[in-house]
PDB file of N, CA and C in Angstrom:
ATOM      1  N   UNK A   1     -21.770  26.653  -1.598  1.00  0.00           N
ATOM      2  CA  UNK A   1     -21.930  25.678  -0.562  1.00  0.00           C
ATOM      3  C   UNK A   1     -21.867  26.398   0.778  1.00  0.00           C
ATOM      4  N   UNK A   2     -22.712  26.107   1.659  1.00  0.00           N
ATOM      5  CA  UNK A   2     -22.715  26.662   2.989  1.00  0.00           C
ATOM      6  C   UNK A   2     -22.105  25.686   3.896  1.00  0.00           C
ATOM      7  N   UNK A   3     -21.112  26.094   4.637  1.00  0.00           N
ATOM      8  CA  UNK A   3     -20.313  25.280   5.566  1.00  0.00           C
ATOM      9  C   UNK A   3     -20.706  25.576   6.969  1.00  0.00           C
ATOM     10  N   UNK A   4     -20.796  24.573   7.732  1.00  0.00           N
ATOM     11  CA  UNK A   4     -21.059  24.722   9.220  1.00  0.00           C
ATOM     12  C   UNK A   4     -19.784  25.022   9.853  1.00  0.00           C
ATOM     13  N   UNK A   5     -18.647  24.609   9.349  1.00  0.00           N
ATOM     14  CA  UNK A   5     -17.366  24.762   9.921  1.00  0.00           C
ATOM     15  C   UNK A   5     -16.468  25.519   9.048  1.00  0.00           C
ATOM     16  N   UNK A   6     -16.345  26.800   9.371  1.00  0.00           N
ATOM     17  CA  UNK A   6     -15.466  27.724   8.421  1.00  0.00           C
ATOM     18  C   UNK A   6     -14.056  27.194   8.334  1.00  0.00           C
ATOM     19  N   UNK A   7     -13.466  26.585   9.404  1.00  0.00           N
ATOM     20  CA  UNK A   7     -12.063  26.095   9.351  1.00  0.00           C
ATOM     21  C   UNK A   7     -11.990  24.948   8.318  1.00  0.00           C
ATOM     22  N   UNK A   8     -12.987  24.092   8.379  1.00  0.00           N
ATOM     23  CA  UNK A   8     -13.007  22.978   7.357  1.00  0.00           C
ATOM     24  C   UNK A   8     -13.099  23.586   5.985  1.00  0.00           C
ATOM     25  N   UNK A   9     -13.909  24.592   5.791  1.00  0.00           N
ATOM     26  CA  UNK A   9     -14.057  25.156   4.427  1.00  0.00           C
ATOM     27  C   UNK A   9     -12.694  25.759   3.925  1.00  0.00           C
ATOM     28  N   UNK A  10     -11.966  26.393   4.798  1.00  0.00           N
ATOM     29  CA  UNK A  10     -10.671  26.925   4.361  1.00  0.00           C
ATOM     30  C   UNK A  10      -9.601  25.880   4.069  1.00  0.00           C
ATOM     31  N   UNK A  11      -9.813  24.665   4.550  1.00  0.00           N
ATOM     32  CA  UNK A  11      -8.970  23.505   4.416  1.00  0.00           C
ATOM     33  C   UNK A  11      -9.336  22.597   3.172  1.00  0.00           C
ATOM     34  N   UNK A  12     -10.109  23.129   2.299  1.00  0.00           N
ATOM     35  CA  UNK A  12     -10.466  22.454   1.154  1.00  0.00           C
ATOM     36  C   UNK A  12     -11.707  21.444   1.525  1.00  0.00           C
ATOM     37  N   UNK A  13     -12.571  22.093   2.148  1.00  0.00           N
ATOM     38  CA  UNK A  13     -13.745  21.273   2.677  1.00  0.00           C
ATOM     39  C   UNK A  13     -14.766  21.064   1.724  1.00  0.00           C
ATOM     40  N   UNK A  14     -14.659  21.252   0.448  1.00  0.00           N
ATOM     41  CA  UNK A  14     -15.581  20.791  -0.626  1.00  0.00           C
ATOM     42  C   UNK A  14     -15.562  19.298  -0.740  1.00  0.00           C
ATOM     43  N   UNK A  15     -16.537  18.585  -0.639  1.00  0.00           N
ATOM     44  CA  UNK A  15     -16.555  17.121  -0.700  1.00  0.00           C
ATOM     45  C   UNK A  15     -15.818  16.586  -2.034  1.00  0.00           C
ATOM     46  N   UNK A  16     -15.996  17.340  -3.108  1.00  0.00           N
ATOM     47  CA  UNK A  16     -15.409  16.910  -4.326  1.00  0.00           C
ATOM     48  C   UNK A  16     -13.917  17.205  -4.482  1.00  0.00           C
ATOM     49  N   UNK A  17     -13.350  17.903  -3.565  1.00  0.00           N
ATOM     50  CA  UNK A  17     -11.976  18.313  -3.721  1.00  0.00           C
ATOM     51  C   UNK A  17     -11.071  17.162  -3.806  1.00  0.00           C
ATOM     52  N   UNK A  18     -11.323  16.091  -3.040  1.00  0.00           N
ATOM     53  CA  UNK A  18     -10.501  14.891  -3.048  1.00  0.00           C
ATOM     54  C   UNK A  18     -10.300  14.226  -4.426  1.00  0.00           C
ATOM     55  N   UNK A  19     -11.408  14.376  -5.256  1.00  0.00           N
ATOM     56  CA  UNK A  19     -11.271  13.947  -6.588  1.00  0.00           C
ATOM     57  C   UNK A  19     -10.315  14.742  -7.465  1.00  0.00           C
ATOM     58  N   UNK A  20     -10.415  16.005  -7.131  1.00  0.00           N
ATOM     59  CA  UNK A  20      -9.414  16.914  -7.942  1.00  0.00           C
ATOM     60  C   UNK A  20      -8.060  16.605  -7.517  1.00  0.00           C
ATOM     61  N   UNK A  21      -7.833  16.364  -6.257  1.00  0.00           N
ATOM     62  CA  UNK A  21      -6.455  16.026  -5.868  1.00  0.00           C
ATOM     63  C   UNK A  21      -6.018  14.739  -6.451  1.00  0.00           C
ATOM     64  N   UNK A  22      -6.974  13.780  -6.525  1.00  0.00           N
ATOM     65  CA  UNK A  22      -6.754  12.423  -7.199  1.00  0.00           C
ATOM     66  C   UNK A  22      -6.265  12.467  -8.609  1.00  0.00           C
ATOM     67  N   UNK A  23      -6.624  13.551  -9.333  1.00  0.00           N
ATOM     68  CA  UNK A  23      -6.217  13.756 -10.757  1.00  0.00           C
ATOM     69  C   UNK A  23      -4.747  13.882 -10.874  1.00  0.00           C
ATOM     70  N   UNK A  24      -4.073  14.443  -9.849  1.00  0.00           N
ATOM     71  CA  UNK A  24      -2.619  14.642  -9.943  1.00  0.00           C
ATOM     72  C   UNK A  24      -1.841  13.312  -9.894  1.00  0.00           C
ATOM     73  N   UNK A  25      -2.056  12.401  -9.060  1.00  0.00           N
ATOM     74  CA  UNK A  25      -1.333  11.054  -9.141  1.00  0.00           C
ATOM     75  C   UNK A  25      -1.875  10.231 -10.417  1.00  0.00           C
ATOM     76  N   UNK A  26      -3.185  10.441 -10.769  1.00  0.00           N
ATOM     77  CA  UNK A  26      -3.668   9.773 -11.914  1.00  0.00           C
ATOM     78  C   UNK A  26      -2.899  10.178 -13.198  1.00  0.00           C
ATOM     79  N   UNK A  27      -2.626  11.502 -13.268  1.00  0.00           N
ATOM     80  CA  UNK A  27      -1.893  11.984 -14.428  1.00  0.00           C
ATOM     81  C   UNK A  27      -0.504  11.555 -14.355  1.00  0.00           C
ATOM     82  N   UNK A  28       0.123  11.546 -13.242  1.00  0.00           N
ATOM     83  CA  UNK A  28       1.434  11.157 -13.089  1.00  0.00           C
ATOM     84  C   UNK A  28       1.562   9.546 -13.452  1.00  0.00           C
ATOM     85  N   UNK A  29       0.717   8.782 -12.896  1.00  0.00           N
ATOM     86  CA  UNK A  29       0.673   7.303 -13.368  1.00  0.00           C
ATOM     87  C   UNK A  29       0.563   7.068 -14.820  1.00  0.00           C
ATOM     88  N   UNK A  30      -0.417   7.823 -15.473  1.00  0.00           N
ATOM     89  CA  UNK A  30      -0.552   7.624 -16.865  1.00  0.00           C
ATOM     90  C   UNK A  30       0.694   8.162 -17.666  1.00  0.00           C
ATOM     91  N   UNK A  31       1.322   9.229 -17.153  1.00  0.00           N
ATOM     92  CA  UNK A  31       2.420   9.643 -17.811  1.00  0.00           C
ATOM     93  C   UNK A  31       3.655   8.708 -17.793  1.00  0.00           C
ATOM     94  N   UNK A  32       3.680   8.056 -16.590  1.00  0.00           N
ATOM     95  CA  UNK A  32       4.803   7.004 -16.391  1.00  0.00           C
ATOM     96  C   UNK A  32       4.505   5.906 -17.230  1.00  0.00           C
ATOM     97  N   UNK A  33       3.210   5.540 -17.295  1.00  0.00           N
ATOM     98  CA  UNK A  33       2.900   4.339 -18.152  1.00  0.00           C
ATOM     99  C   UNK A  33       3.266   4.621 -19.686  1.00  0.00           C
ATOM    100  N   UNK A  34       2.941   5.843 -20.094  1.00  0.00           N
ATOM    101  CA  UNK A  34       3.294   6.178 -21.372  1.00  0.00           C
ATOM    102  C   UNK A  34       4.857   6.268 -21.714  1.00  0.00           C
ATOM    103  N   UNK A  35       5.501   6.696 -20.689  1.00  0.00           N
ATOM    104  CA  UNK A  35       6.996   6.666 -20.807  1.00  0.00           C
ATOM    105  C   UNK A  35       7.563   5.263 -20.894  1.00  0.00           C
ATOM    106  N   UNK A  36       6.885   4.272 -20.367  1.00  0.00           N
ATOM    107  CA  UNK A  36       7.164   2.877 -20.469  1.00  0.00           C
ATOM    108  C   UNK A  36       6.612   2.233 -21.614  1.00  0.00           C
ATOM    109  N   UNK A  37       6.051   3.042 -22.558  1.00  0.00           N
ATOM    110  CA  UNK A  37       5.463   2.663 -23.812  1.00  0.00           C
ATOM    111  C   UNK A  37       4.228   1.778 -23.754  1.00  0.00           C
ATOM    112  N   UNK A  38       3.480   1.931 -22.744  1.00  0.00           N
ATOM    113  CA  UNK A  38       2.218   1.275 -22.631  1.00  0.00           C
ATOM    114  C   UNK A  38       1.139   1.762 -23.497  1.00  0.00           C
ATOM    115  N   UNK A  39       1.478   3.095 -23.996  1.00  0.00           N
ATOM    116  CA  UNK A  39       0.500   3.681 -24.912  1.00  0.00           C
ATOM    117  C   UNK A  39       0.597   3.225 -26.343  1.00  0.00           C
ATOM    118  N   UNK A  40       1.481   2.252 -26.612  1.00  0.00           N
ATOM    119  CA  UNK A  40       1.696   1.822 -27.953  1.00  0.00           C
ATOM    120  C   UNK A  40       0.815   0.524 -28.263  1.00  0.00           C
ATOM    121  N   UNK A  41       0.491  -0.179 -27.268  1.00  0.00           N
ATOM    122  CA  UNK A  41      -0.292  -1.426 -27.444  1.00  0.00           C
ATOM    123  C   UNK A  41      -1.699  -1.110 -26.919  1.00  0.00           C
ATOM    124  N   UNK A  42      -2.725  -1.765 -27.595  1.00  0.00           N
ATOM    125  CA  UNK A  42      -4.148  -1.511 -27.324  1.00  0.00           C
ATOM    126  C   UNK A  42      -4.334  -2.029 -25.826  1.00  0.00           C
ATOM    127  N   UNK A  43      -3.985  -3.262 -25.438  1.00  0.00           N
ATOM    128  CA  UNK A  43      -4.372  -3.796 -24.163  1.00  0.00           C
ATOM    129  C   UNK A  43      -3.656  -3.135 -23.062  1.00  0.00           C
ATOM    130  N   UNK A  44      -2.429  -2.808 -23.205  1.00  0.00           N
ATOM    131  CA  UNK A  44      -1.723  -2.101 -22.189  1.00  0.00           C
ATOM    132  C   UNK A  44      -2.200  -0.700 -22.023  1.00  0.00           C
ATOM    133  N   UNK A  45      -2.529  -0.116 -23.205  1.00  0.00           N
ATOM    134  CA  UNK A  45      -3.174   1.264 -23.094  1.00  0.00           C
ATOM    135  C   UNK A  45      -4.499   1.263 -22.359  1.00  0.00           C
ATOM    136  N   UNK A  46      -5.370   0.251 -22.730  1.00  0.00           N
ATOM    137  CA  UNK A  46      -6.558   0.153 -22.104  1.00  0.00           C
ATOM    138  C   UNK A  46      -6.442  -0.112 -20.551  1.00  0.00           C
ATOM    139  N   UNK A  47      -5.491  -0.895 -20.162  1.00  0.00           N
ATOM    140  CA  UNK A  47      -5.247  -1.177 -18.757  1.00  0.00           C
ATOM    141  C   UNK A  47      -4.703   0.082 -18.011  1.00  0.00           C
ATOM    142  N   UNK A  48      -3.731   0.783 -18.564  1.00  0.00           N
ATOM    143  CA  UNK A  48      -3.259   2.025 -18.054  1.00  0.00           C
ATOM    144  C   UNK A  48      -4.308   3.022 -17.857  1.00  0.00           C
ATOM    145  N   UNK A  49      -5.206   3.269 -18.868  1.00  0.00           N
ATOM    146  CA  UNK A  49      -6.200   4.250 -18.809  1.00  0.00           C
ATOM    147  C   UNK A  49      -7.270   3.754 -17.706  1.00  0.00           C
ATOM    148  N   UNK A  50      -7.503   2.499 -17.692  1.00  0.00           N
ATOM    149  CA  UNK A  50      -8.511   1.993 -16.663  1.00  0.00           C
ATOM    150  C   UNK A  50      -7.930   2.276 -15.271  1.00  0.00           C
ATOM    151  N   UNK A  51      -6.757   1.930 -15.033  1.00  0.00           N
ATOM    152  CA  UNK A  51      -6.073   2.101 -13.693  1.00  0.00           C
ATOM    153  C   UNK A  51      -6.047   3.645 -13.388  1.00  0.00           C
ATOM    154  N   UNK A  52      -5.669   4.452 -14.323  1.00  0.00           N
ATOM    155  CA  UNK A  52      -5.566   5.820 -14.129  1.00  0.00           C
ATOM    156  C   UNK A  52      -6.998   6.443 -13.786  1.00  0.00           C
ATOM    157  N   UNK A  53      -7.981   5.858 -14.299  1.00  0.00           N
ATOM    158  CA  UNK A  53      -9.385   6.329 -13.970  1.00  0.00           C
ATOM    159  C   UNK A  53      -9.775   5.940 -12.523  1.00  0.00           C
ATOM    160  N   UNK A  54      -9.108   4.866 -11.942  1.00  0.00           N
ATOM    161  CA  UNK A  54      -9.497   4.557 -10.589  1.00  0.00           C
ATOM    162  C   UNK A  54      -8.850   5.366  -9.516  1.00  0.00           C
ATOM    163  N   UNK A  55      -7.691   5.918  -9.881  1.00  0.00           N
ATOM    164  CA  UNK A  55      -6.920   6.631  -8.823  1.00  0.00           C
ATOM    165  C   UNK A  55      -7.679   7.796  -8.205  1.00  0.00           C
ATOM    166  N   UNK A  56      -8.349   8.724  -8.900  1.00  0.00           N
ATOM    167  CA  UNK A  56      -9.092   9.732  -8.254  1.00  0.00           C
ATOM    168  C   UNK A  56     -10.104   9.168  -7.204  1.00  0.00           C
ATOM    169  N   UNK A  57     -10.716   8.030  -7.452  1.00  0.00           N
ATOM    170  CA  UNK A  57     -11.607   7.448  -6.521  1.00  0.00           C
ATOM    171  C   UNK A  57     -11.002   6.986  -5.269  1.00  0.00           C
ATOM    172  N   UNK A  58      -9.670   6.432  -5.416  1.00  0.00           N
ATOM    173  CA  UNK A  58      -8.928   6.071  -4.232  1.00  0.00           C
ATOM    174  C   UNK A  58      -8.642   7.113  -3.262  1.00  0.00           C
ATOM    175  N   UNK A  59      -8.555   8.312  -3.778  1.00  0.00           N
ATOM    176  CA  UNK A  59      -8.318   9.441  -2.860  1.00  0.00           C
ATOM    177  C   UNK A  59      -9.687  10.210  -2.673  1.00  0.00           C
ATOM    178  N   UNK A  60     -10.482  10.341  -3.599  1.00  0.00           N
ATOM    179  CA  UNK A  60     -11.640  11.163  -3.526  1.00  0.00           C
ATOM    180  C   UNK A  60     -12.743  10.544  -2.568  1.00  0.00           C
ATOM    181  N   UNK A  61     -12.946   9.243  -2.580  1.00  0.00           N
ATOM    182  CA  UNK A  61     -13.929   8.613  -1.788  1.00  0.00           C
ATOM    183  C   UNK A  61     -13.657   8.722  -0.258  1.00  0.00           C
ATOM    184  N   UNK A  62     -12.434   8.405   0.148  1.00  0.00           N
ATOM    185  CA  UNK A  62     -12.099   8.662   1.568  1.00  0.00           C
ATOM    186  C   UNK A  62     -12.200  10.139   2.038  1.00  0.00           C
ATOM    187  N   UNK A  63     -11.749  10.993   1.030  1.00  0.00           N
ATOM    188  CA  UNK A  63     -11.849  12.416   1.301  1.00  0.00           C
ATOM    189  C   UNK A  63     -13.282  12.882   1.465  1.00  0.00           C
ATOM    190  N   UNK A  64     -14.187  12.309   0.619  1.00  0.00           N
ATOM    191  CA  UNK A  64     -15.560  12.716   0.629  1.00  0.00           C
ATOM    192  C   UNK A  64     -16.157  12.222   1.994  1.00  0.00           C
ATOM    193  N   UNK A  65     -15.822  11.044   2.510  1.00  0.00           N
ATOM    194  CA  UNK A  65     -16.317  10.572   3.819  1.00  0.00           C
ATOM    195  C   UNK A  65     -15.745  11.438   4.903  1.00  0.00           C
ATOM    196  N   UNK A  66     -14.526  11.854   4.921  1.00  0.00           N
ATOM    197  CA  UNK A  66     -13.934  12.737   6.017  1.00  0.00           C
ATOM    198  C   UNK A  66     -14.606  14.065   5.924  1.00  0.00           C
ATOM    199  N   UNK A  67     -14.797  14.662   4.813  1.00  0.00           N
ATOM    200  CA  UNK A  67     -15.336  16.009   4.759  1.00  0.00           C
ATOM    201  C   UNK A  67     -16.916  15.999   5.178  1.00  0.00           C
ATOM    202  N   UNK A  68     -17.629  14.999   4.720  1.00  0.00           N
ATOM    203  CA  UNK A  68     -18.946  14.892   5.137  1.00  0.00           C
ATOM    204  C   UNK A  68     -19.090  14.623   6.657  1.00  0.00           C
ATOM    205  N   UNK A  69     -18.187  13.871   7.195  1.00  0.00           N
ATOM    206  CA  UNK A  69     -18.353  13.598   8.621  1.00  0.00           C
ATOM    207  C   UNK A  69     -18.003  14.837   9.310  1.00  0.00           C
ATOM    208  N   UNK A  70     -17.015  15.639   8.826  1.00  0.00           N
ATOM    209  CA  UNK A  70     -16.671  16.975   9.427  1.00  0.00           C
ATOM    210  C   UNK A  70     -17.832  18.013   9.272  1.00  0.00           C
ATOM    211  N   UNK A  71     -18.647  17.796   8.347  1.00  0.00           N
ATOM    212  CA  UNK A  71     -19.880  18.652   8.166  1.00  0.00           C
ATOM    213  C   UNK A  71     -21.010  18.195   8.980  1.00  0.00           C
ATOM    214  N   UNK A  72     -20.956  16.962   9.631  1.00  0.00           N
ATOM    215  CA  UNK A  72     -21.923  16.440  10.527  1.00  0.00           C
ATOM    216  C   UNK A  72     -22.680  15.425   9.847  1.00  0.00           C
ATOM    217  N   UNK A  73     -22.378  14.984   8.647  1.00  0.00           N
ATOM    218  CA  UNK A  73     -23.214  13.798   7.975  1.00  0.00           C
ATOM    219  C   UNK A  73     -22.306  12.640   7.834  1.00  0.00           C
ATOM    220  N   UNK A  74     -22.495  11.660   8.595  1.00  0.00           N
ATOM    221  CA  UNK A  74     -21.752  10.418   8.537  1.00  0.00           C
ATOM    222  C   UNK A  74     -22.501   9.496   7.467  1.00  0.00           C
ATOM    223  N   UNK A  75     -21.672   9.064   6.535  1.00  0.00           N
ATOM    224  CA  UNK A  75     -22.172   8.220   5.402  1.00  0.00           C
ATOM    225  C   UNK A  75     -21.846   6.818   5.612  1.00  0.00           C
ATOM    226  N   UNK A  76     -22.727   5.784   5.439  1.00  0.00           N
ATOM    227  CA  UNK A  76     -22.397   4.451   5.509  1.00  0.00           C
ATOM    228  C   UNK A  76     -21.669   4.083   4.233  1.00  0.00           C
ATOM    229  N   UNK A  77     -21.084   2.835   4.134  1.00  0.00           N
ATOM    230  CA  UNK A  77     -20.357   2.504   3.035  1.00  0.00           C
ATOM    231  C   UNK A  77     -21.189   2.478   1.656  1.00  0.00           C
ATOM    232  N   UNK A  78     -22.419   1.994   1.886  1.00  0.00           N
ATOM    233  CA  UNK A  78     -23.349   2.015   0.799  1.00  0.00           C
ATOM    234  C   UNK A  78     -23.785   3.361   0.232  1.00  0.00           C
ATOM    235  N   UNK A  79     -23.915   4.293   1.282  1.00  0.00           N
ATOM    236  CA  UNK A  79     -24.180   5.713   0.803  1.00  0.00           C
ATOM    237  C   UNK A  79     -23.055   6.303   0.173  1.00  0.00           C
ATOM    238  N   UNK A  80     -21.803   6.006   0.723  1.00  0.00           N
ATOM    239  CA  UNK A  80     -20.620   6.629   0.126  1.00  0.00           C
ATOM    240  C   UNK A  80     -20.400   6.097  -1.269  1.00  0.00           C
ATOM    241  N   UNK A  81     -20.612   4.853  -1.568  1.00  0.00           N
ATOM    242  CA  UNK A  81     -20.583   4.335  -2.911  1.00  0.00           C
ATOM    243  C   UNK A  81     -21.605   4.949  -3.816  1.00  0.00           C
ATOM    244  N   UNK A  82     -22.837   5.113  -3.283  1.00  0.00           N
ATOM    245  CA  UNK A  82     -23.902   5.595  -4.043  1.00  0.00           C
ATOM    246  C   UNK A  82     -23.596   7.109  -4.434  1.00  0.00           C
ATOM    247  N   UNK A  83     -23.004   7.786  -3.520  1.00  0.00           N
ATOM    248  CA  UNK A  83     -22.771   9.272  -3.777  1.00  0.00           C
ATOM    249  C   UNK A  83     -21.391   9.562  -4.495  1.00  0.00           C
ATOM    250  N   UNK A  84     -20.531   8.677  -4.197  1.00  0.00           N
ATOM    251  CA  UNK A  84     -19.051   9.098  -4.745  1.00  0.00           C
ATOM    252  C   UNK A  84     -18.466   8.138  -5.813  1.00  0.00           C
ATOM    253  N   UNK A  85     -19.174   7.115  -6.104  1.00  0.00           N
ATOM    254  CA  UNK A  85     -18.637   6.137  -7.036  1.00  0.00           C
ATOM    255  C   UNK A  85     -19.626   5.729  -8.202  1.00  0.00           C
ATOM    256  N   UNK A  86     -20.839   5.214  -7.819  1.00  0.00           N
ATOM    257  CA  UNK A  86     -21.788   4.744  -8.786  1.00  0.00           C
ATOM    258  C   UNK A  86     -22.105   5.726  -9.910  1.00  0.00           C
ATOM    259  N   UNK A  87     -22.342   6.976  -9.562  1.00  0.00           N
ATOM    260  CA  UNK A  87     -22.708   7.882 -10.667  1.00  0.00           C
ATOM    261  C   UNK A  87     -21.686   8.095 -11.746  1.00  0.00           C
ATOM    262  N   UNK A  88     -20.455   7.639 -11.458  1.00  0.00           N
ATOM    263  CA  UNK A  88     -19.324   7.910 -12.279  1.00  0.00           C
ATOM    264  C   UNK A  88     -18.738   6.741 -12.958  1.00  0.00           C
ATOM    265  N   UNK A  89     -19.292   5.545 -12.797  1.00  0.00           N
ATOM    266  CA  UNK A  89     -18.785   4.314 -13.326  1.00  0.00           C
ATOM    267  C   UNK A  89     -18.789   4.342 -14.845  1.00  0.00           C
ATOM    268  N   UNK A  90     -19.943   4.585 -15.317  1.00  0.00           N
ATOM    269  CA  UNK A  90     -20.106   4.560 -16.836  1.00  0.00           C
ATOM    270  C   UNK A  90     -19.238   5.472 -17.498  1.00  0.00           C
ATOM    271  N   UNK A  91     -19.213   6.687 -16.980  1.00  0.00           N
ATOM    272  CA  UNK A  91     -18.298   7.807 -17.555  1.00  0.00           C
ATOM    273  C   UNK A  91     -16.906   7.345 -17.518  1.00  0.00           C
ATOM    274  N   UNK A  92     -16.435   6.741 -16.454  1.00  0.00           N
ATOM    275  CA  UNK A  92     -15.043   6.295 -16.254  1.00  0.00           C
ATOM    276  C   UNK A  92     -14.706   5.250 -17.238  1.00  0.00           C
ATOM    277  N   UNK A  93     -15.691   4.250 -17.527  1.00  0.00           N
ATOM    278  CA  UNK A  93     -15.410   3.121 -18.462  1.00  0.00           C
ATOM    279  C   UNK A  93     -15.262   3.751 -19.827  1.00  0.00           C
ATOM    280  N   UNK A  94     -16.216   4.710 -20.157  1.00  0.00           N
ATOM    281  CA  UNK A  94     -16.171   5.290 -21.511  1.00  0.00           C
ATOM    282  C   UNK A  94     -14.865   6.141 -21.697  1.00  0.00           C
ATOM    283  N   UNK A  95     -14.481   6.822 -20.659  1.00  0.00           N
ATOM    284  CA  UNK A  95     -13.265   7.650 -20.757  1.00  0.00           C
ATOM    285  C   UNK A  95     -12.098   6.708 -20.986  1.00  0.00           C
ATOM    286  N   UNK A  96     -12.011   5.716 -20.224  1.00  0.00           N
ATOM    287  CA  UNK A  96     -10.856   4.738 -20.265  1.00  0.00           C
ATOM    288  C   UNK A  96     -10.747   4.061 -21.663  1.00  0.00           C
ATOM    289  N   UNK A  97     -11.935   3.708 -22.188  1.00  0.00           N
ATOM    290  CA  UNK A  97     -11.986   3.074 -23.440  1.00  0.00           C
ATOM    291  C   UNK A  97     -11.510   4.018 -24.501  1.00  0.00           C
ATOM    292  N   UNK A  98     -11.950   5.309 -24.549  1.00  0.00           N
ATOM    293  CA  UNK A  98     -11.575   6.278 -25.550  1.00  0.00           C
ATOM    294  C   UNK A  98     -10.090   6.493 -25.420  1.00  0.00           C
ATOM    295  N   UNK A  99      -9.535   6.693 -24.276  1.00  0.00           N
ATOM    296  CA  UNK A  99      -8.146   6.927 -24.120  1.00  0.00           C
ATOM    297  C   UNK A  99      -7.355   5.728 -24.513  1.00  0.00           C
ATOM    298  N   UNK A 100      -7.847   4.522 -24.080  1.00  0.00           N
ATOM    299  CA  UNK A 100      -7.095   3.312 -24.351  1.00  0.00           C
ATOM    300  C   UNK A 100      -6.986   2.974 -25.882  1.00  0.00           C
ATOM    301  N   UNK A 101      -8.023   3.396 -26.641  1.00  0.00           N
ATOM    302  CA  UNK A 101      -8.037   3.173 -28.064  1.00  0.00           C
ATOM    303  C   UNK A 101      -7.347   4.255 -28.816  1.00  0.00           C
ATOM    304  N   UNK A 102      -7.502   5.541 -28.296  1.00  0.00           N
ATOM    305  CA  UNK A 102      -6.962   6.673 -29.037  1.00  0.00           C
ATOM    306  C   UNK A 102      -5.368   6.706 -28.917  1.00  0.00           C
ATOM    307  N   UNK A 103      -4.807   6.402 -27.903  1.00  0.00           N
ATOM    308  CA  UNK A 103      -3.388   6.491 -27.738  1.00  0.00           C
ATOM    309  C   UNK A 103      -2.658   5.460 -28.736  1.00  0.00           C
ATOM    310  N   UNK A 104      -2.923   4.174 -28.764  1.00  0.00           N
ATOM    311  CA  UNK A 104      -2.209   3.468 -29.778  1.00  0.00           C
ATOM    312  C   UNK A 104      -2.535   3.852 -31.272  1.00  0.00           C
ATOM    313  N   UNK A 105      -3.828   4.319 -31.404  1.00  0.00           N
ATOM    314  CA  UNK A 105      -4.156   4.794 -32.793  1.00  0.00           C
ATOM    315  C   UNK A 105      -3.407   5.959 -33.166  1.00  0.00           C
ATOM    316  N   UNK A 106      -3.114   6.922 -32.278  1.00  0.00           N
ATOM    317  CA  UNK A 106      -2.356   8.038 -32.492  1.00  0.00           C
ATOM    318  C   UNK A 106      -0.884   7.776 -32.881  1.00  0.00           C
ATOM    319  N   UNK A 107      -0.334   6.738 -32.106  1.00  0.00           N
ATOM    320  CA  UNK A 107       1.051   6.317 -32.444  1.00  0.00           C
ATOM    321  C   UNK A 107       1.069   5.503 -33.866  1.00  0.00           C
ATOM    322  N   UNK A 108      -0.008   4.761 -34.140  1.00  0.00           N
ATOM    323  CA  UNK A 108      -0.052   4.100 -35.476  1.00  0.00           C
ATOM    324  C   UNK A 108      -0.026   5.222 -36.540  1.00  0.00           C
ATOM    325  N   UNK A 109      -0.858   6.311 -36.331  1.00  0.00           N
ATOM    326  CA  UNK A 109      -0.900   7.337 -37.395  1.00  0.00           C
ATOM    327  C   UNK A 109       0.369   8.089 -37.519  1.00  0.00           C
ATOM    328  N   UNK A 110       1.138   8.288 -36.448  1.00  0.00           N
ATOM    329  CA  UNK A 110       2.323   8.969 -36.478  1.00  0.00           C
ATOM    330  C   UNK A 110       3.424   8.100 -37.248  1.00  0.00           C
ATOM    331  N   UNK A 111       3.313   6.760 -37.042  1.00  0.00           N
ATOM    332  CA  UNK A 111       4.352   5.891 -37.762  1.00  0.00           C
ATOM    333  C   UNK A 111       4.167   5.844 -39.219  1.00  0.00           C
ATOM    334  N   UNK A 112       2.997   6.213 -39.749  1.00  0.00           N
ATOM    335  CA  UNK A 112       2.841   6.098 -41.201  1.00  0.00           C
ATOM    336  C   UNK A 112       3.469   7.159 -41.886  1.00  0.00           C
TER     337      UNK A 112
END
């Protein structure tokens, strides 16, 4: 990627970097949910995985907006959603469903 602002590039100016940062609190949240035994029940596990899947967006989308503005491209809310959320909705739902089903299934298999 070619940056117009070298200082921005050194500070993590990749527009996708916010999503990577967001995986840290997402992993922490899901770990804490599992410590509270949310991974043993199907519905709680699905809820925990769905919530964990949204956390990278809560950090990544504003980060995307800031970085793009710093690079000279101001995105409207619709453009921001189209670039930073919409392409990933289906994958996030599938990922949350797989995790939400796999966690209690793994515990059921261990109990046998």
